[in-house]
């Protein structure tokens, strides 16, 4: 790998760390970059997942203030993300890459709709109520599990899926929901990374891992500073734009 290739991959990692912290879909930058520089697709996917753990950690830490007092909710959701990520990572090692391609754009599209109409759904569901409807919690749990499976398998736009789910089923402020998303996405990436290190070590390019880890760690810090200052409507707009880019990329430029 040349010096400039290494610089480009590290910069892609920085951009991915920022985008993942603000909304998600940073893999749509790093994964194509790795393919462009000749990294095998499976090795690119696995190495990218391992490298982006550093950015997930710095981004989650950057949102720690939004999560103050939210430990019970986080503890309830983390095991679901954990289980889902184990299933997703196992599927990546077992199934052909084309297995999920047909449904991923549809999942992201549904998530975008939920991000846009989430406040209206909340207003309707909570009308004349002072508490969340009882069915929201189990539906959210199932959604977090499914997002974990998807994130363990590939990971691009995992954040969009989670934010769509949270927007529709939670009345918490959007920035707090983004904090939830960052913690759960970190859990998914970390679990998948550990499984890849244990069971797919031969597919890991450690130079790529180091470059993406260094870049994404910086990107996570920068992304938290930017993302926490975005007003709710601006954050929704960013989520929708990135989600649309993800759908276009996955359908027309696989």
Protein backbone atom coordinates (compact mmCIF):
# COMPACT_ATOMS: atom_id res chain seq x y z
CA UNK A 1 0.00 0.00 0.00
CA UNK A 2 1.37 3.41 -0.99
CA UNK A 3 1.67 6.37 1.36
CA UNK A 4 -1.15 8.26 -0.36
CA UNK A 5 -3.41 5.22 -0.29
CA UNK A 6 -2.87 5.00 3.45
CA UNK A 7 -3.65 8.71 3.85
CA UNK A 8 -6.84 8.35 1.80
CA UNK A 9 -8.02 5.39 3.89
CA UNK A 10 -7.29 7.23 7.15
CA UNK A 11 -9.20 10.29 5.90
CA UNK A 12 -12.09 8.06 4.88
CA UNK A 13 -12.02 6.66 8.41
CA UNK A 14 -12.22 10.20 9.83
CA UNK A 15 -15.20 11.04 7.64
CA UNK A 16 -16.87 7.75 8.56
CA UNK A 17 -16.33 8.37 12.27
CA UNK A 18 -17.98 11.79 11.98
CA UNK A 19 -20.95 10.54 9.98
CA UNK A 20 -21.47 7.49 12.18
CA UNK A 21 -21.60 9.68 15.28
CA UNK A 22 -24.03 12.19 13.77
CA UNK A 23 -26.33 9.65 12.14
CA UNK A 24 -24.69 6.50 10.73
CA UNK A 25 -23.72 5.15 7.28
CA UNK A 26 -20.02 5.92 7.57
CA UNK A 27 -19.33 2.48 6.08
CA UNK A 28 -20.62 3.86 2.77
CA UNK A 29 -17.43 5.95 2.70
CA UNK A 30 -14.83 3.53 4.01
CA UNK A 31 -16.04 0.37 2.27
CA UNK A 32 -15.97 1.78 -1.31
CA UNK A 33 -12.63 3.45 -0.53
CA UNK A 34 -11.11 0.11 0.44
CA UNK A 35 -12.51 -1.53 -2.68
CA UNK A 36 -11.06 1.30 -4.80
CA UNK A 37 -7.59 0.58 -3.43
CA UNK A 38 -7.90 -3.11 -4.24
CA UNK A 39 -8.86 -4.64 -0.89
CA UNK A 40 -10.86 -7.87 -1.22
CA UNK A 41 -14.59 -7.20 -0.50
CA UNK A 42 -14.82 -9.65 2.40
CA UNK A 43 -11.54 -8.43 3.86
CA UNK A 44 -12.71 -4.83 3.40
CA UNK A 45 -15.98 -5.51 5.22
CA UNK A 46 -14.34 -7.36 8.11
CA UNK A 47 -11.38 -4.96 8.48
CA UNK A 48 -13.67 -1.95 8.25
CA UNK A 49 -15.89 -3.29 11.03
CA UNK A 50 -12.91 -3.86 13.32
CA UNK A 51 -11.41 -0.46 12.58
CA UNK A 52 -14.61 1.54 13.12
CA UNK A 53 -14.92 0.32 16.73
CA UNK A 54 -12.54 3.11 17.77
CA UNK A 55 -14.77 5.74 16.18
CA UNK A 56 -17.84 4.22 17.80
CA UNK A 57 -16.19 4.45 21.21
CA UNK A 58 -15.14 8.10 20.81
CA UNK A 59 -18.54 9.06 19.39
CA UNK A 60 -20.45 7.35 22.20
CA UNK A 61 -18.23 9.06 24.77
CA UNK A 62 -18.91 12.40 23.07
CA UNK A 63 -22.66 11.91 23.71
CA UNK A 64 -22.27 10.91 27.37
CA UNK A 65 -24.01 14.06 28.65
CA UNK A 66 -27.17 13.27 26.66
CA UNK A 67 -27.27 9.85 28.33
CA UNK A 68 -27.12 11.05 31.92
CA UNK A 69 -29.80 9.23 33.91
CA UNK A 70 -30.62 6.88 31.01
CA UNK A 71 -28.80 3.79 32.30
CA UNK A 72 -31.99 1.66 32.72
CA UNK A 73 -33.02 2.17 29.08
CA UNK A 74 -29.50 1.55 27.78
CA UNK A 75 -29.13 -1.61 29.89
CA UNK A 76 -32.43 -2.91 28.52
CA UNK A 77 -31.47 -2.36 24.87
CA UNK A 78 -27.79 -3.42 24.91
CA UNK A 79 -28.48 -7.19 25.26
CA UNK A 80 -30.77 -7.05 22.21
CA UNK A 81 -28.09 -5.35 20.14
CA UNK A 82 -25.58 -7.89 21.44
CA UNK A 83 -27.70 -10.89 20.38
CA UNK A 84 -28.52 -9.34 17.02
CA UNK A 85 -24.90 -8.55 16.24
CA UNK A 86 -23.83 -12.13 17.01
CA UNK A 87 -26.47 -13.43 14.60
CA UNK A 88 -25.53 -10.89 11.92
CA UNK A 89 -21.80 -11.57 12.13
CA UNK A 90 -22.45 -15.30 11.91
CA UNK A 91 -24.62 -14.78 8.84
CA UNK A 92 -21.82 -12.80 7.18
CA UNK A 93 -19.49 -15.75 7.59
CA UNK A 94 -22.09 -18.29 6.42
CA UNK A 95 -24.34 -16.71 3.78
CA UNK A 96 -23.42 -15.31 0.35
CA UNK A 97 -23.09 -11.50 0.27
CA UNK A 98 -26.18 -11.20 -1.94
CA UNK A 99 -28.49 -12.66 0.70
CA UNK A 100 -29.47 -9.34 2.31
CA UNK A 101 -29.02 -7.07 -0.71
CA UNK A 102 -32.68 -7.17 -1.70
CA UNK A 103 -34.07 -6.09 1.67
CA UNK A 104 -31.46 -3.59 2.87
CA UNK A 105 -32.68 -0.66 0.69
CA UNK A 106 -36.26 -1.36 1.78
CA UNK A 107 -35.22 -1.33 5.45
CA UNK A 108 -33.43 1.99 5.05
CA UNK A 109 -36.41 3.45 3.15
CA UNK A 110 -38.77 2.46 5.96
CA UNK A 111 -36.39 4.00 8.49
CA UNK A 112 -36.34 7.30 6.60
CA UNK A 113 -40.13 7.43 6.60
CA UNK A 114 -40.12 6.80 10.34
CA UNK A 115 -37.60 9.59 10.90
CA UNK A 116 -39.83 12.02 9.01
CA UNK A 117 -43.20 11.01 10.44
CA UNK A 118 -41.96 9.91 13.87
CA UNK A 119 -43.12 13.07 15.67
CA UNK A 120 -46.61 12.74 14.15
CA UNK A 121 -46.78 9.07 15.13
CA UNK A 122 -45.75 10.02 18.64
CA UNK A 123 -48.36 12.74 18.84
CA UNK A 124 -51.08 10.37 17.65
CA UNK A 125 -50.09 7.43 19.84
CA UNK A 126 -49.69 9.54 22.96
CA UNK A 127 -52.82 11.63 22.48
CA UNK A 128 -54.70 11.96 25.75
CA UNK A 129 -51.99 9.88 27.45
CA UNK A 130 -49.29 10.86 29.90
CA UNK A 131 -47.14 7.77 29.32
CA UNK A 132 -45.80 5.84 26.37
CA UNK A 133 -48.23 3.22 24.97
CA UNK A 134 -47.40 -0.22 26.37
CA UNK A 135 -46.75 -1.73 22.95
CA UNK A 136 -43.91 0.69 22.13
CA UNK A 137 -41.32 -1.05 24.34
CA UNK A 138 -41.62 -4.58 22.86
CA UNK A 139 -41.75 -3.24 19.29
CA UNK A 140 -38.67 -1.14 19.95
CA UNK A 141 -36.93 -4.19 21.39
CA UNK A 142 -37.64 -6.24 18.28
CA UNK A 143 -36.46 -3.38 16.09
CA UNK A 144 -33.19 -3.02 18.02
CA UNK A 145 -32.63 -6.78 17.65
CA UNK A 146 -33.22 -6.63 13.87
CA UNK A 147 -30.96 -3.58 13.54
CA UNK A 148 -28.30 -5.51 15.45
CA UNK A 149 -28.54 -8.40 13.00
CA UNK A 150 -28.19 -6.02 10.08
CA UNK A 151 -25.34 -4.12 11.76
CA UNK A 152 -23.43 -7.30 12.50
CA UNK A 153 -23.85 -8.40 8.90
CA UNK A 154 -22.86 -5.19 7.12
CA UNK A 155 -23.44 -2.06 9.21
CA UNK A 156 -23.97 0.65 6.59
CA UNK A 157 -26.94 2.83 7.61
CA UNK A 158 -27.44 0.90 10.85
CA UNK A 159 -27.73 4.30 12.53
CA UNK A 160 -30.47 5.38 10.13
CA UNK A 161 -32.46 2.25 10.99
CA UNK A 162 -32.09 2.87 14.72
CA UNK A 163 -32.97 6.56 14.49
CA UNK A 164 -36.06 5.78 12.43
CA UNK A 165 -37.15 3.25 15.02
CA UNK A 166 -36.49 5.56 17.96
CA UNK A 167 -38.14 8.55 16.28
CA UNK A 168 -41.37 6.61 15.87
CA UNK A 169 -41.48 4.88 19.25
CA UNK A 170 -39.83 7.22 21.74
CA UNK A 171 -40.76 10.70 22.91
CA UNK A 172 -37.23 11.40 24.16
CA UNK A 173 -35.33 14.38 22.62
CA UNK A 174 -33.69 13.55 19.31
CA UNK A 175 -30.18 14.20 20.62
CA UNK A 176 -30.73 11.71 23.45
CA UNK A 177 -31.96 9.18 20.90
CA UNK A 178 -28.77 9.79 18.95
CA UNK A 179 -26.86 8.97 22.12
CA UNK A 180 -28.76 5.67 22.38
CA UNK A 181 -27.94 4.99 18.76
CA UNK A 182 -24.22 5.59 19.27
CA UNK A 183 -24.02 3.23 22.24
CA UNK A 184 -25.96 0.44 20.52
CA UNK A 185 -24.03 0.81 17.27
CA UNK A 186 -20.79 0.56 19.27
CA UNK A 187 -22.01 -2.66 20.91
CA UNK A 188 -22.90 -4.15 17.53
CA UNK A 189 -19.57 -3.21 15.92
CA UNK A 190 -17.57 -4.37 18.94
CA UNK A 191 -19.26 -7.77 19.11
CA UNK A 192 -18.94 -8.30 15.37
CA UNK A 193 -15.29 -7.22 15.51
CA UNK A 194 -14.49 -9.69 18.30
CA UNK A 195 -16.15 -12.52 16.38
CA UNK A 196 -14.22 -11.61 13.24
CA UNK A 197 -10.93 -11.54 15.14
CA UNK A 198 -11.66 -14.97 16.61
CA UNK A 199 -13.22 -16.74 13.62
CA UNK A 200 -12.14 -14.77 10.52
CA UNK A 201 -8.68 -13.51 11.40
CA UNK A 202 -7.37 -14.56 8.01
CA UNK A 203 -9.64 -11.97 6.36
CA UNK A 204 -8.39 -9.03 8.46
CA UNK A 205 -5.95 -6.54 6.96
CA UNK A 206 -4.40 -5.08 10.11
CA UNK A 207 -2.88 -2.08 8.37
CA UNK A 208 -6.35 -1.13 7.15
CA UNK A 209 -7.69 -1.65 10.68
CA UNK A 210 -5.07 0.68 12.19
CA UNK A 211 -5.66 3.39 9.56
CA UNK A 212 -9.44 3.33 9.91
CA UNK A 213 -9.25 3.12 13.70
CA UNK A 214 -6.99 6.18 13.93
CA UNK A 215 -9.12 8.18 11.50
CA UNK A 216 -12.48 7.16 12.94
CA UNK A 217 -11.41 7.86 16.55
CA UNK A 218 -10.73 11.47 15.55
CA UNK A 219 -13.90 11.54 13.47
CA UNK A 220 -15.99 10.35 16.42
CA UNK A 221 -14.79 13.26 18.56
CA UNK A 222 -15.44 15.77 15.79
CA UNK A 223 -18.81 14.23 14.95
CA UNK A 224 -20.00 14.50 18.56
CA UNK A 225 -19.07 18.19 18.66
CA UNK A 226 -20.97 18.87 15.44
CA UNK A 227 -23.92 16.56 16.02
CA UNK A 228 -24.72 17.77 19.54
CA UNK A 229 -25.11 21.31 18.22
CA UNK A 230 -27.58 20.44 15.46
CA UNK A 231 -31.21 21.37 16.18
CA UNK A 232 -33.75 18.50 15.84
CA UNK A 233 -35.03 19.50 12.39
CA UNK A 234 -31.50 19.89 11.06
CA UNK A 235 -30.54 16.50 12.49
CA UNK A 236 -33.60 14.90 10.85
CA UNK A 237 -32.60 16.50 7.55
CA UNK A 238 -29.07 15.11 7.82
CA UNK A 239 -30.43 11.65 8.60
CA UNK A 240 -32.78 11.72 5.59
CA UNK A 241 -30.13 12.99 3.18
CA UNK A 242 -27.58 10.38 4.25
CA UNK A 243 -30.25 7.69 4.17
CA UNK A 244 -31.22 8.58 0.60
CA UNK A 245 -27.56 8.49 -0.42
CA UNK A 246 -27.29 5.06 1.21
CA UNK A 247 -30.30 3.72 -0.70
CA UNK A 248 -29.00 5.10 -4.03
CA UNK A 249 -25.55 3.65 -3.36
CA UNK A 250 -26.86 0.21 -2.43
CA UNK A 251 -29.32 -0.05 -5.35
CA UNK A 252 -27.48 1.56 -8.24
CA UNK A 253 -23.83 1.35 -7.19
CA UNK A 254 -23.51 -1.93 -5.24
